[in-house]
Every structure is written in C-alpha cells, then in structure tokens.
Amino acid sequence: MCTTQLQEYLIFKREKILESNIMLCIVLIFGAMITALIRSPLRRQNAQHNVDNLLGNNNIVAVVSNANPQVNA
C-alpha cells in the first residue's frame, strides 16, 4: 500500500515517471531476494527418499489407481 501511494505521488504530483519505475524495480529486486532466501520443507521429496531407502532401491514400482485405492506392487 505504501509503495502504491508513493508511486501515485511520484507519477501524478511530481511527474517523475523514471524515478517511480526505478523505485519499483528496487522493491521488486528486494522482494525477489527475500523470496530466494526462504527454504520450504520438501516433505513429499523427503518422504519419497525415505521410501526408496526402506525398499533398498530394488526398483519396485507401486501403482495406485483412483478407481481402486489398493497398491499393486
């Protein structure tokens, strides 16, 4: 909200479009850097890795069908 109001002030009151765009680029780069630093837990990949370790990596493929919820190995 603060960024939007500052953009509006720079563009309509001061007619500084270039400065407004530079400020917006800086805000977007800062947001992208913060987003890149966030580590999300990869629960599904970790679970698959644990299953592979339990099965001993014997290339066993489990097939689950929506029609029949049983696992066919």
Protein backbone atom coordinates (compact mmCIF):
# COMPACT_ATOMS: atom_id res chain seq x y z
CA MET A 1 0.00 0.00 0.00
CA CYS A 2 2.81 2.40 0.85
CA THR A 3 4.55 1.61 -2.44
CA THR A 4 1.36 2.28 -4.39
CA GLN A 5 0.80 5.62 -2.72
CA LEU A 6 4.42 6.65 -3.29
CA GLN A 7 4.13 5.61 -6.95
CA GLU A 8 0.96 7.67 -7.32
CA TYR A 9 2.62 10.69 -5.72
CA LEU A 10 5.72 10.46 -7.92
CA ILE A 11 3.80 9.98 -11.16
CA PHE A 12 0.81 12.30 -10.79
CA LYS A 13 2.05 15.04 -8.44
CA ARG A 14 5.75 15.29 -9.31
CA GLU A 15 5.66 13.80 -12.86
CA LYS A 16 8.75 11.70 -12.14
CA ILE A 17 7.99 8.52 -14.05
CA LEU A 18 11.61 7.33 -14.37
CA GLU A 19 12.22 7.66 -10.62
CA SER A 20 8.95 5.87 -9.97
CA ASN A 21 9.98 2.94 -12.19
CA ILE A 22 13.44 2.76 -10.61
CA MET A 23 11.88 2.64 -7.15
CA LEU A 24 9.52 -0.13 -8.26
CA CYS A 25 12.42 -2.15 -9.70
CA ILE A 26 14.32 -1.83 -6.41
CA VAL A 27 11.28 -3.01 -4.45
CA LEU A 28 10.81 -5.99 -6.79
CA ILE A 29 14.50 -6.98 -6.60
CA PHE A 30 14.40 -6.76 -2.80
CA GLY A 31 11.27 -8.96 -2.74
CA ALA A 32 12.88 -11.49 -5.06
CA MET A 33 15.96 -11.70 -2.84
CA ILE A 34 13.83 -12.29 0.25
CA THR A 35 11.83 -14.95 -1.60
CA ALA A 36 15.02 -16.70 -2.71
CA LEU A 37 16.19 -16.95 0.91
CA ILE A 38 13.05 -18.79 2.06
CA ARG A 39 13.60 -22.52 2.47
CA SER A 40 10.46 -24.56 2.24
CA PRO A 41 10.36 -28.09 3.64
CA LEU A 42 10.25 -30.53 0.75
CA ARG A 43 8.08 -33.04 2.56
CA ARG A 44 6.99 -35.02 -0.50
CA GLN A 45 10.53 -35.41 -1.82
CA ASN A 46 11.80 -36.37 1.63
CA ALA A 47 9.04 -38.97 2.01
CA GLN A 48 9.85 -40.48 -1.40
CA HIS A 49 13.53 -40.57 -0.50
CA ASN A 50 12.72 -42.38 2.76
CA VAL A 51 10.55 -44.93 0.92
CA ASP A 52 13.34 -45.57 -1.57
CA ASN A 53 15.76 -46.16 1.29
CA LEU A 54 13.34 -48.55 3.03
CA LEU A 55 12.81 -50.59 -0.11
CA GLY A 56 16.54 -50.77 -0.70
CA ASN A 57 16.23 -49.18 -4.14
CA ASN A 58 15.15 -52.50 -5.69
CA ASN A 59 13.31 -50.69 -8.48
CA ILE A 60 9.90 -51.67 -7.11
CA VAL A 61 7.17 -49.58 -8.70
CA ALA A 62 3.89 -49.07 -6.86
CA VAL A 63 0.83 -48.20 -8.91
CA VAL A 64 -2.16 -46.54 -7.25
CA SER A 65 -5.38 -46.16 -9.19
CA ASN A 66 -8.15 -43.70 -8.41
CA ALA A 67 -10.75 -46.37 -9.12
CA ASN A 68 -9.10 -48.96 -6.87
CA PRO A 69 -7.26 -47.49 -3.88
CA GLN A 70 -5.17 -50.65 -3.35
CA VAL A 71 -1.44 -50.52 -4.05
CA ASN A 72 -0.36 -53.03 -6.69
CA ALA A 73 3.32 -53.89 -6.42
